[in-house]
ModelCIF file with pLDDT and N, C-alpha, C, O atoms, coordinates in Angstrom:
data_MODEL
#
_entry.id   MODEL 
#
_entity.id                         1 
_entity.type                       polymer 
_entity.pdbx_number_of_molecules   1 
#
_entity_poly.entity_id                      1 
_entity_poly.type                           'polypeptide(L)' 
_entity_poly.nstd_linkage                   no 
_entity_poly.nstd_monomer                   no 
_entity_poly.pdbx_seq_one_letter_code       FFTFSRSAWLAFVLWLCVLCSRRFFDLESTRIKVLCFSSLIFVFL 
_entity_poly.pdbx_seq_one_letter_code_can   FFTFSRSAWLAFVLWLCVLCSRRFFDLESTRIKVLCFSSLIFVFL 
_entity_poly.pdbx_strand_id                 A 
#
loop_
_entity_poly_seq.entity_id 
_entity_poly_seq.num 
_entity_poly_seq.mon_id 
_entity_poly_seq.hetero 
1 1  PHE n 
1 2  PHE n 
1 3  THR n 
1 4  PHE n 
1 5  SER n 
1 6  ARG n 
1 7  SER n 
1 8  ALA n 
1 9  TRP n 
1 10 LEU n 
1 11 ALA n 
1 12 PHE n 
1 13 VAL n 
1 14 LEU n 
1 15 TRP n 
1 16 LEU n 
1 17 CYS n 
1 18 VAL n 
1 19 LEU n 
1 20 CYS n 
1 21 SER n 
1 22 ARG n 
1 23 ARG n 
1 24 PHE n 
1 25 PHE n 
1 26 ASP n 
1 27 LEU n 
1 28 GLU n 
1 29 SER n 
1 30 THR n 
1 31 ARG n 
1 32 ILE n 
1 33 LYS n 
1 34 VAL n 
1 35 LEU n 
1 36 CYS n 
1 37 PHE n 
1 38 SER n 
1 39 SER n 
1 40 LEU n 
1 41 ILE n 
1 42 PHE n 
1 43 VAL n 
1 44 PHE n 
1 45 LEU n 
#
_struct_asym.id          A 
_struct_asym.entity_id   1 
#
loop_
_ma_qa_metric.id 
_ma_qa_metric.mode 
_ma_qa_metric.name 
_ma_qa_metric.software_group_id 
_ma_qa_metric.type 
1 global pLDDT . pLDDT 
2 local  pLDDT . pLDDT 
#
_ma_qa_metric_global.metric_id      1 
_ma_qa_metric_global.metric_value   82.53 
_ma_qa_metric_global.model_id       1 
_ma_qa_metric_global.ordinal_id     1 
#
loop_
_ma_qa_metric_local.label_asym_id 
_ma_qa_metric_local.label_comp_id 
_ma_qa_metric_local.label_seq_id 
_ma_qa_metric_local.metric_id 
_ma_qa_metric_local.metric_value 
_ma_qa_metric_local.model_id 
_ma_qa_metric_local.ordinal_id 
A PHE 1  2 94.00 1 1  
A PHE 2  2 94.00 1 2  
A THR 3  2 93.00 1 3  
A PHE 4  2 91.00 1 4  
A SER 5  2 91.00 1 5  
A ARG 6  2 89.00 1 6  
A SER 7  2 91.00 1 7  
A ALA 8  2 93.00 1 8  
A TRP 9  2 93.00 1 9  
A LEU 10 2 93.00 1 10 
A ALA 11 2 94.00 1 11 
A PHE 12 2 93.00 1 12 
A VAL 13 2 91.00 1 13 
A LEU 14 2 91.00 1 14 
A TRP 15 2 91.00 1 15 
A LEU 16 2 88.00 1 16 
A CYS 17 2 87.00 1 17 
A VAL 18 2 86.00 1 18 
A LEU 19 2 84.00 1 19 
A CYS 20 2 81.00 1 20 
A SER 21 2 78.00 1 21 
A ARG 22 2 65.00 1 22 
A ARG 23 2 58.00 1 23 
A PHE 24 2 53.00 1 24 
A PHE 25 2 52.00 1 25 
A ASP 26 2 55.00 1 26 
A LEU 27 2 45.00 1 27 
A GLU 28 2 57.00 1 28 
A SER 29 2 70.00 1 29 
A THR 30 2 75.00 1 30 
A ARG 31 2 79.00 1 31 
A ILE 32 2 82.00 1 32 
A LYS 33 2 81.00 1 33 
A VAL 34 2 81.00 1 34 
A LEU 35 2 85.00 1 35 
A CYS 36 2 85.00 1 36 
A PHE 37 2 86.00 1 37 
A SER 38 2 87.00 1 38 
A SER 39 2 88.00 1 39 
A LEU 40 2 89.00 1 40 
A ILE 41 2 91.00 1 41 
A PHE 42 2 90.00 1 42 
A VAL 43 2 90.00 1 43 
A PHE 44 2 91.00 1 44 
A LEU 45 2 93.00 1 45 
#
loop_
_atom_site.group_PDB 
_atom_site.id 
_atom_site.type_symbol 
_atom_site.label_atom_id 
_atom_site.label_alt_id 
_atom_site.label_comp_id 
_atom_site.label_asym_id 
_atom_site.label_entity_id 
_atom_site.label_seq_id 
_atom_site.pdbx_PDB_ins_code 
_atom_site.Cartn_x 
_atom_site.Cartn_y 
_atom_site.Cartn_z 
_atom_site.occupancy 
_atom_site.B_iso_or_equiv 
_atom_site.pdbx_formal_charge 
_atom_site.auth_seq_id 
_atom_site.auth_comp_id 
_atom_site.auth_asym_id 
_atom_site.auth_atom_id 
_atom_site.pdbx_PDB_model_num 
ATOM 1   N N  . PHE A 1 1  ? 51.137 34.906 -15.307 1.00 94.00 ? 1  PHE A N  1 
ATOM 2   C CA . PHE A 1 1  ? 51.797 36.184 -15.513 1.00 94.00 ? 1  PHE A CA 1 
ATOM 3   C C  . PHE A 1 1  ? 52.219 36.350 -16.481 1.00 94.00 ? 1  PHE A C  1 
ATOM 4   O O  . PHE A 1 1  ? 52.302 36.291 -17.708 1.00 94.00 ? 1  PHE A O  1 
ATOM 5   N N  . PHE A 1 2  ? 52.720 36.807 -14.694 1.00 94.00 ? 2  PHE A N  1 
ATOM 6   C CA . PHE A 1 2  ? 53.653 37.912 -14.595 1.00 94.00 ? 2  PHE A CA 1 
ATOM 7   C C  . PHE A 1 2  ? 55.114 37.639 -14.607 1.00 94.00 ? 2  PHE A C  1 
ATOM 8   O O  . PHE A 1 2  ? 55.846 38.184 -13.781 1.00 94.00 ? 2  PHE A O  1 
ATOM 9   N N  . THR A 1 3  ? 55.523 36.909 -15.409 1.00 93.00 ? 3  THR A N  1 
ATOM 10  C CA . THR A 1 3  ? 55.814 36.223 -15.437 1.00 93.00 ? 3  THR A CA 1 
ATOM 11  C C  . THR A 1 3  ? 56.432 35.590 -17.178 1.00 93.00 ? 3  THR A C  1 
ATOM 12  O O  . THR A 1 3  ? 56.622 34.383 -17.331 1.00 93.00 ? 3  THR A O  1 
ATOM 13  N N  . PHE A 1 4  ? 56.541 36.037 -17.695 1.00 91.00 ? 4  PHE A N  1 
ATOM 14  C CA . PHE A 1 4  ? 55.817 35.795 -18.882 1.00 91.00 ? 4  PHE A CA 1 
ATOM 15  C C  . PHE A 1 4  ? 56.620 34.928 -19.428 1.00 91.00 ? 4  PHE A C  1 
ATOM 16  O O  . PHE A 1 4  ? 57.516 35.338 -20.167 1.00 91.00 ? 4  PHE A O  1 
ATOM 17  N N  . SER A 1 5  ? 56.413 33.168 -19.101 1.00 91.00 ? 5  SER A N  1 
ATOM 18  C CA . SER A 1 5  ? 57.322 32.866 -19.529 1.00 91.00 ? 5  SER A CA 1 
ATOM 19  C C  . SER A 1 5  ? 56.003 31.615 -20.319 1.00 91.00 ? 5  SER A C  1 
ATOM 20  O O  . SER A 1 5  ? 55.130 30.805 -20.008 1.00 91.00 ? 5  SER A O  1 
ATOM 21  N N  . ARG A 1 6  ? 56.759 32.295 -21.602 1.00 89.00 ? 6  ARG A N  1 
ATOM 22  C CA . ARG A 1 6  ? 56.120 30.749 -22.839 1.00 89.00 ? 6  ARG A CA 1 
ATOM 23  C C  . ARG A 1 6  ? 55.695 29.841 -22.469 1.00 89.00 ? 6  ARG A C  1 
ATOM 24  O O  . ARG A 1 6  ? 54.530 29.687 -22.102 1.00 89.00 ? 6  ARG A O  1 
ATOM 25  N N  . SER A 1 7  ? 56.797 28.821 -22.491 1.00 91.00 ? 7  SER A N  1 
ATOM 26  C CA . SER A 1 7  ? 56.295 27.602 -21.875 1.00 91.00 ? 7  SER A CA 1 
ATOM 27  C C  . SER A 1 7  ? 55.801 27.653 -21.140 1.00 91.00 ? 7  SER A C  1 
ATOM 28  O O  . SER A 1 7  ? 54.734 27.112 -21.432 1.00 91.00 ? 7  SER A O  1 
ATOM 29  N N  . ALA A 1 8  ? 55.742 28.273 -19.286 1.00 93.00 ? 8  ALA A N  1 
ATOM 30  C CA . ALA A 1 8  ? 54.985 28.261 -17.752 1.00 93.00 ? 8  ALA A CA 1 
ATOM 31  C C  . ALA A 1 8  ? 53.535 27.798 -18.483 1.00 93.00 ? 8  ALA A C  1 
ATOM 32  O O  . ALA A 1 8  ? 52.691 26.921 -18.305 1.00 93.00 ? 8  ALA A O  1 
ATOM 33  N N  . TRP A 1 9  ? 53.777 29.011 -19.488 1.00 93.00 ? 9  TRP A N  1 
ATOM 34  C CA . TRP A 1 9  ? 51.911 29.462 -19.837 1.00 93.00 ? 9  TRP A CA 1 
ATOM 35  C C  . TRP A 1 9  ? 51.672 28.262 -19.985 1.00 93.00 ? 9  TRP A C  1 
ATOM 36  O O  . TRP A 1 9  ? 51.180 27.482 -19.170 1.00 93.00 ? 9  TRP A O  1 
ATOM 37  N N  . LEU A 1 10 ? 52.207 27.978 -21.615 1.00 93.00 ? 10 LEU A N  1 
ATOM 38  C CA . LEU A 1 10 ? 52.227 26.499 -22.458 1.00 93.00 ? 10 LEU A CA 1 
ATOM 39  C C  . LEU A 1 10 ? 51.692 25.079 -21.410 1.00 93.00 ? 10 LEU A C  1 
ATOM 40  O O  . LEU A 1 10 ? 50.870 24.178 -21.244 1.00 93.00 ? 10 LEU A O  1 
ATOM 41  N N  . ALA A 1 11 ? 52.443 25.500 -21.109 1.00 94.00 ? 11 ALA A N  1 
ATOM 42  C CA . ALA A 1 11 ? 52.210 23.690 -20.424 1.00 94.00 ? 11 ALA A CA 1 
ATOM 43  C C  . ALA A 1 11 ? 50.684 24.330 -19.027 1.00 94.00 ? 11 ALA A C  1 
ATOM 44  O O  . ALA A 1 11 ? 49.878 23.527 -18.557 1.00 94.00 ? 11 ALA A O  1 
ATOM 45  N N  . PHE A 1 12 ? 50.684 25.508 -18.751 1.00 93.00 ? 12 PHE A N  1 
ATOM 46  C CA . PHE A 1 12 ? 49.620 25.464 -17.694 1.00 93.00 ? 12 PHE A CA 1 
ATOM 47  C C  . PHE A 1 12 ? 47.961 25.186 -18.717 1.00 93.00 ? 12 PHE A C  1 
ATOM 48  O O  . PHE A 1 12 ? 46.920 24.606 -18.407 1.00 93.00 ? 12 PHE A O  1 
ATOM 49  N N  . VAL A 1 13 ? 48.420 25.967 -20.090 1.00 91.00 ? 13 VAL A N  1 
ATOM 50  C CA . VAL A 1 13 ? 47.070 25.676 -20.608 1.00 91.00 ? 13 VAL A CA 1 
ATOM 51  C C  . VAL A 1 13 ? 47.366 24.189 -20.917 1.00 91.00 ? 13 VAL A C  1 
ATOM 52  O O  . VAL A 1 13 ? 46.358 24.017 -21.602 1.00 91.00 ? 13 VAL A O  1 
ATOM 53  N N  . LEU A 1 14 ? 48.079 22.784 -20.938 1.00 91.00 ? 14 LEU A N  1 
ATOM 54  C CA . LEU A 1 14 ? 48.244 21.890 -20.977 1.00 91.00 ? 14 LEU A CA 1 
ATOM 55  C C  . LEU A 1 14 ? 47.017 21.612 -20.214 1.00 91.00 ? 14 LEU A C  1 
ATOM 56  O O  . LEU A 1 14 ? 45.805 21.554 -20.419 1.00 91.00 ? 14 LEU A O  1 
ATOM 57  N N  . TRP A 1 15 ? 48.001 21.438 -19.072 1.00 91.00 ? 15 TRP A N  1 
ATOM 58  C CA . TRP A 1 15 ? 47.503 20.876 -18.025 1.00 91.00 ? 15 TRP A CA 1 
ATOM 59  C C  . TRP A 1 15 ? 45.606 21.445 -17.518 1.00 91.00 ? 15 TRP A C  1 
ATOM 60  O O  . TRP A 1 15 ? 44.857 20.922 -16.692 1.00 91.00 ? 15 TRP A O  1 
ATOM 61  N N  . LEU A 1 16 ? 45.458 22.210 -18.083 1.00 88.00 ? 16 LEU A N  1 
ATOM 62  C CA . LEU A 1 16 ? 43.392 23.266 -17.877 1.00 88.00 ? 16 LEU A CA 1 
ATOM 63  C C  . LEU A 1 16 ? 43.120 21.477 -18.846 1.00 88.00 ? 16 LEU A C  1 
ATOM 64  O O  . LEU A 1 16 ? 42.140 20.754 -18.667 1.00 88.00 ? 16 LEU A O  1 
ATOM 65  N N  . CYS A 1 17 ? 43.841 21.291 -19.439 1.00 87.00 ? 17 CYS A N  1 
ATOM 66  C CA . CYS A 1 17 ? 43.059 20.731 -21.231 1.00 87.00 ? 17 CYS A CA 1 
ATOM 67  C C  . CYS A 1 17 ? 42.648 18.713 -20.505 1.00 87.00 ? 17 CYS A C  1 
ATOM 68  O O  . CYS A 1 17 ? 41.585 18.102 -20.610 1.00 87.00 ? 17 CYS A O  1 
ATOM 69  N N  . VAL A 1 18 ? 44.320 18.112 -19.669 1.00 86.00 ? 18 VAL A N  1 
ATOM 70  C CA . VAL A 1 18 ? 43.863 17.179 -19.174 1.00 86.00 ? 18 VAL A CA 1 
ATOM 71  C C  . VAL A 1 18 ? 42.995 17.265 -17.655 1.00 86.00 ? 18 VAL A C  1 
ATOM 72  O O  . VAL A 1 18 ? 42.890 16.274 -16.931 1.00 86.00 ? 18 VAL A O  1 
ATOM 73  N N  . LEU A 1 19 ? 42.411 18.584 -17.313 1.00 84.00 ? 19 LEU A N  1 
ATOM 74  C CA . LEU A 1 19 ? 41.304 18.215 -16.805 1.00 84.00 ? 19 LEU A CA 1 
ATOM 75  C C  . LEU A 1 19 ? 39.964 18.579 -17.217 1.00 84.00 ? 19 LEU A C  1 
ATOM 76  O O  . LEU A 1 19 ? 38.934 18.885 -16.616 1.00 84.00 ? 19 LEU A O  1 
ATOM 77  N N  . CYS A 1 20 ? 40.249 18.470 -18.243 1.00 81.00 ? 20 CYS A N  1 
ATOM 78  C CA . CYS A 1 20 ? 38.860 19.316 -19.376 1.00 81.00 ? 20 CYS A CA 1 
ATOM 79  C C  . CYS A 1 20 ? 38.564 17.748 -19.606 1.00 81.00 ? 20 CYS A C  1 
ATOM 80  O O  . CYS A 1 20 ? 37.515 17.317 -19.126 1.00 81.00 ? 20 CYS A O  1 
ATOM 81  N N  . SER A 1 21 ? 39.307 16.971 -20.218 1.00 78.00 ? 21 SER A N  1 
ATOM 82  C CA . SER A 1 21 ? 39.625 16.041 -21.367 1.00 78.00 ? 21 SER A CA 1 
ATOM 83  C C  . SER A 1 21 ? 39.551 14.725 -20.527 1.00 78.00 ? 21 SER A C  1 
ATOM 84  O O  . SER A 1 21 ? 39.372 13.742 -21.247 1.00 78.00 ? 21 SER A O  1 
ATOM 85  N N  . ARG A 1 22 ? 39.643 14.442 -19.162 1.00 65.00 ? 22 ARG A N  1 
ATOM 86  C CA . ARG A 1 22 ? 39.368 13.996 -17.921 1.00 65.00 ? 22 ARG A CA 1 
ATOM 87  C C  . ARG A 1 22 ? 37.828 13.451 -17.483 1.00 65.00 ? 22 ARG A C  1 
ATOM 88  O O  . ARG A 1 22 ? 37.362 12.345 -17.214 1.00 65.00 ? 22 ARG A O  1 
ATOM 89  N N  . ARG A 1 23 ? 37.313 14.773 -17.554 1.00 58.00 ? 23 ARG A N  1 
ATOM 90  C CA . ARG A 1 23 ? 36.702 15.041 -16.074 1.00 58.00 ? 23 ARG A CA 1 
ATOM 91  C C  . ARG A 1 23 ? 35.130 15.500 -16.613 1.00 58.00 ? 23 ARG A C  1 
ATOM 92  O O  . ARG A 1 23 ? 34.064 15.112 -16.137 1.00 58.00 ? 23 ARG A O  1 
ATOM 93  N N  . PHE A 1 24 ? 35.307 16.325 -17.609 1.00 53.00 ? 24 PHE A N  1 
ATOM 94  C CA . PHE A 1 24 ? 34.922 17.313 -18.595 1.00 53.00 ? 24 PHE A CA 1 
ATOM 95  C C  . PHE A 1 24 ? 32.908 16.976 -17.735 1.00 53.00 ? 24 PHE A C  1 
ATOM 96  O O  . PHE A 1 24 ? 32.131 17.450 -16.906 1.00 53.00 ? 24 PHE A O  1 
ATOM 97  N N  . PHE A 1 25 ? 33.040 15.882 -18.707 1.00 52.00 ? 25 PHE A N  1 
ATOM 98  C CA . PHE A 1 25 ? 31.592 15.407 -18.958 1.00 52.00 ? 25 PHE A CA 1 
ATOM 99  C C  . PHE A 1 25 ? 31.012 14.667 -18.319 1.00 52.00 ? 25 PHE A C  1 
ATOM 100 O O  . PHE A 1 25 ? 29.986 14.089 -18.676 1.00 52.00 ? 25 PHE A O  1 
ATOM 101 N N  . ASP A 1 26 ? 31.735 14.519 -16.939 1.00 55.00 ? 26 ASP A N  1 
ATOM 102 C CA . ASP A 1 26 ? 31.565 13.421 -15.221 1.00 55.00 ? 26 ASP A CA 1 
ATOM 103 C C  . ASP A 1 26 ? 30.085 14.270 -14.717 1.00 55.00 ? 26 ASP A C  1 
ATOM 104 O O  . ASP A 1 26 ? 29.626 15.400 -14.884 1.00 55.00 ? 26 ASP A O  1 
ATOM 105 N N  . LEU A 1 27 ? 29.701 13.133 -14.079 1.00 45.00 ? 27 LEU A N  1 
ATOM 106 C CA . LEU A 1 27 ? 28.880 14.455 -13.095 1.00 45.00 ? 27 LEU A CA 1 
ATOM 107 C C  . LEU A 1 27 ? 28.661 15.235 -12.611 1.00 45.00 ? 27 LEU A C  1 
ATOM 108 O O  . LEU A 1 27 ? 27.780 16.088 -12.723 1.00 45.00 ? 27 LEU A O  1 
ATOM 109 N N  . GLU A 1 28 ? 30.191 14.926 -11.361 1.00 57.00 ? 28 GLU A N  1 
ATOM 110 C CA . GLU A 1 28 ? 30.645 15.913 -10.810 1.00 57.00 ? 28 GLU A CA 1 
ATOM 111 C C  . GLU A 1 28 ? 31.600 17.205 -11.113 1.00 57.00 ? 28 GLU A C  1 
ATOM 112 O O  . GLU A 1 28 ? 32.123 17.967 -10.300 1.00 57.00 ? 28 GLU A O  1 
ATOM 113 N N  . SER A 1 29 ? 31.647 17.208 -12.222 1.00 70.00 ? 29 SER A N  1 
ATOM 114 C CA . SER A 1 29 ? 32.319 18.187 -13.096 1.00 70.00 ? 29 SER A CA 1 
ATOM 115 C C  . SER A 1 29 ? 32.122 19.225 -12.866 1.00 70.00 ? 29 SER A C  1 
ATOM 116 O O  . SER A 1 29 ? 33.164 19.794 -13.193 1.00 70.00 ? 29 SER A O  1 
ATOM 117 N N  . THR A 1 30 ? 31.280 20.128 -12.400 1.00 75.00 ? 30 THR A N  1 
ATOM 118 C CA . THR A 1 30 ? 30.812 21.032 -11.935 1.00 75.00 ? 30 THR A CA 1 
ATOM 119 C C  . THR A 1 30 ? 32.315 21.738 -11.919 1.00 75.00 ? 30 THR A C  1 
ATOM 120 O O  . THR A 1 30 ? 32.826 22.267 -12.906 1.00 75.00 ? 30 THR A O  1 
ATOM 121 N N  . ARG A 1 31 ? 32.951 21.640 -10.549 1.00 79.00 ? 31 ARG A N  1 
ATOM 122 C CA . ARG A 1 31 ? 34.343 22.790 -10.054 1.00 79.00 ? 31 ARG A CA 1 
ATOM 123 C C  . ARG A 1 31 ? 35.505 22.555 -11.313 1.00 79.00 ? 31 ARG A C  1 
ATOM 124 O O  . ARG A 1 31 ? 36.159 23.463 -11.824 1.00 79.00 ? 31 ARG A O  1 
ATOM 125 N N  . ILE A 1 32 ? 35.565 21.421 -11.592 1.00 82.00 ? 32 ILE A N  1 
ATOM 126 C CA . ILE A 1 32 ? 36.287 21.215 -13.059 1.00 82.00 ? 32 ILE A CA 1 
ATOM 127 C C  . ILE A 1 32 ? 35.669 22.759 -14.431 1.00 82.00 ? 32 ILE A C  1 
ATOM 128 O O  . ILE A 1 32 ? 36.411 23.470 -15.109 1.00 82.00 ? 32 ILE A O  1 
ATOM 129 N N  . LYS A 1 33 ? 33.916 22.776 -14.367 1.00 81.00 ? 33 LYS A N  1 
ATOM 130 C CA . LYS A 1 33 ? 33.966 24.245 -15.257 1.00 81.00 ? 33 LYS A CA 1 
ATOM 131 C C  . LYS A 1 33 ? 33.806 25.357 -14.727 1.00 81.00 ? 33 LYS A C  1 
ATOM 132 O O  . LYS A 1 33 ? 33.677 26.362 -15.427 1.00 81.00 ? 33 LYS A O  1 
ATOM 133 N N  . VAL A 1 34 ? 33.789 25.391 -13.765 1.00 81.00 ? 34 VAL A N  1 
ATOM 134 C CA . VAL A 1 34 ? 34.061 26.963 -12.212 1.00 81.00 ? 34 VAL A CA 1 
ATOM 135 C C  . VAL A 1 34 ? 35.421 27.236 -12.729 1.00 81.00 ? 34 VAL A C  1 
ATOM 136 O O  . VAL A 1 34 ? 35.795 28.377 -12.999 1.00 81.00 ? 34 VAL A O  1 
ATOM 137 N N  . LEU A 1 35 ? 36.655 25.469 -12.957 1.00 85.00 ? 35 LEU A N  1 
ATOM 138 C CA . LEU A 1 35 ? 37.742 26.531 -12.569 1.00 85.00 ? 35 LEU A CA 1 
ATOM 139 C C  . LEU A 1 35 ? 38.278 27.136 -14.128 1.00 85.00 ? 35 LEU A C  1 
ATOM 140 O O  . LEU A 1 35 ? 38.742 28.248 -14.380 1.00 85.00 ? 35 LEU A O  1 
ATOM 141 N N  . CYS A 1 36 ? 38.056 26.099 -14.954 1.00 85.00 ? 36 CYS A N  1 
ATOM 142 C CA . CYS A 1 36 ? 38.839 26.250 -16.410 1.00 85.00 ? 36 CYS A CA 1 
ATOM 143 C C  . CYS A 1 36 ? 37.962 27.804 -17.944 1.00 85.00 ? 36 CYS A C  1 
ATOM 144 O O  . CYS A 1 36 ? 38.318 28.432 -18.941 1.00 85.00 ? 36 CYS A O  1 
ATOM 145 N N  . PHE A 1 37 ? 36.464 27.571 -16.845 1.00 86.00 ? 37 PHE A N  1 
ATOM 146 C CA . PHE A 1 37 ? 36.204 29.018 -17.771 1.00 86.00 ? 37 PHE A CA 1 
ATOM 147 C C  . PHE A 1 37 ? 36.773 29.931 -16.481 1.00 86.00 ? 37 PHE A C  1 
ATOM 148 O O  . PHE A 1 37 ? 37.773 30.312 -17.089 1.00 86.00 ? 37 PHE A O  1 
ATOM 149 N N  . SER A 1 38 ? 36.836 30.230 -15.873 1.00 87.00 ? 38 SER A N  1 
ATOM 150 C CA . SER A 1 38 ? 37.059 31.442 -14.817 1.00 87.00 ? 38 SER A CA 1 
ATOM 151 C C  . SER A 1 38 ? 38.211 31.846 -14.595 1.00 87.00 ? 38 SER A C  1 
ATOM 152 O O  . SER A 1 38 ? 38.518 32.885 -14.013 1.00 87.00 ? 38 SER A O  1 
ATOM 153 N N  . SER A 1 39 ? 39.420 30.468 -15.374 1.00 88.00 ? 39 SER A N  1 
ATOM 154 C CA . SER A 1 39 ? 40.797 30.244 -15.567 1.00 88.00 ? 39 SER A CA 1 
ATOM 155 C C  . SER A 1 39 ? 41.029 31.830 -16.659 1.00 88.00 ? 39 SER A C  1 
ATOM 156 O O  . SER A 1 39 ? 41.562 32.923 -16.466 1.00 88.00 ? 39 SER A O  1 
ATOM 157 N N  . LEU A 1 40 ? 40.047 30.954 -18.222 1.00 89.00 ? 40 LEU A N  1 
ATOM 158 C CA . LEU A 1 40 ? 40.938 31.643 -19.231 1.00 89.00 ? 40 LEU A CA 1 
ATOM 159 C C  . LEU A 1 40 ? 40.275 33.163 -18.992 1.00 89.00 ? 40 LEU A C  1 
ATOM 160 O O  . LEU A 1 40 ? 40.872 34.090 -19.541 1.00 89.00 ? 40 LEU A O  1 
ATOM 161 N N  . ILE A 1 41 ? 38.627 33.597 -17.913 1.00 91.00 ? 41 ILE A N  1 
ATOM 162 C CA . ILE A 1 41 ? 38.291 34.434 -18.300 1.00 91.00 ? 41 ILE A CA 1 
ATOM 163 C C  . ILE A 1 41 ? 39.486 35.472 -17.593 1.00 91.00 ? 41 ILE A C  1 
ATOM 164 O O  . ILE A 1 41 ? 39.885 36.407 -18.287 1.00 91.00 ? 41 ILE A O  1 
ATOM 165 N N  . PHE A 1 42 ? 40.003 35.304 -16.315 1.00 90.00 ? 42 PHE A N  1 
ATOM 166 C CA . PHE A 1 42 ? 40.581 35.925 -15.683 1.00 90.00 ? 42 PHE A CA 1 
ATOM 167 C C  . PHE A 1 42 ? 42.330 35.971 -16.463 1.00 90.00 ? 42 PHE A C  1 
ATOM 168 O O  . PHE A 1 42 ? 43.169 36.751 -16.012 1.00 90.00 ? 42 PHE A O  1 
ATOM 169 N N  . VAL A 1 43 ? 42.506 35.450 -17.112 1.00 90.00 ? 43 VAL A N  1 
ATOM 170 C CA . VAL A 1 43 ? 43.852 35.152 -18.491 1.00 90.00 ? 43 VAL A CA 1 
ATOM 171 C C  . VAL A 1 43 ? 43.615 36.523 -19.589 1.00 90.00 ? 43 VAL A C  1 
ATOM 172 O O  . VAL A 1 43 ? 44.507 37.261 -20.008 1.00 90.00 ? 43 VAL A O  1 
ATOM 173 N N  . PHE A 1 44 ? 42.071 36.608 -19.913 1.00 91.00 ? 44 PHE A N  1 
ATOM 174 C CA . PHE A 1 44 ? 41.803 36.992 -21.137 1.00 91.00 ? 44 PHE A CA 1 
ATOM 175 C C  . PHE A 1 44 ? 41.919 38.849 -20.079 1.00 91.00 ? 44 PHE A C  1 
ATOM 176 O O  . PHE A 1 44 ? 42.787 39.643 -20.443 1.00 91.00 ? 44 PHE A O  1 
ATOM 177 N N  . LEU A 1 45 ? 41.127 39.170 -19.086 1.00 93.00 ? 45 LEU A N  1 
ATOM 178 C CA . LEU A 1 45 ? 41.034 40.050 -18.958 1.00 93.00 ? 45 LEU A CA 1 
ATOM 179 C C  . LEU A 1 45 ? 42.650 41.177 -18.046 1.00 93.00 ? 45 LEU A C  1 
ATOM 180 O O  . LEU A 1 45 ? 42.532 42.389 -17.866 1.00 93.00 ? 45 LEU A O  1 
#
């Protein structure tokens, strides 16, 4: 966040989307849910 590199921010958001799209609805997707939601909350803060 402190780099203020917009391209790096966009790439990280796309990476989270990749994680969600691959395993978000799997039975073992708890960690991905925790990771994605906590990352978004932290970024918003």
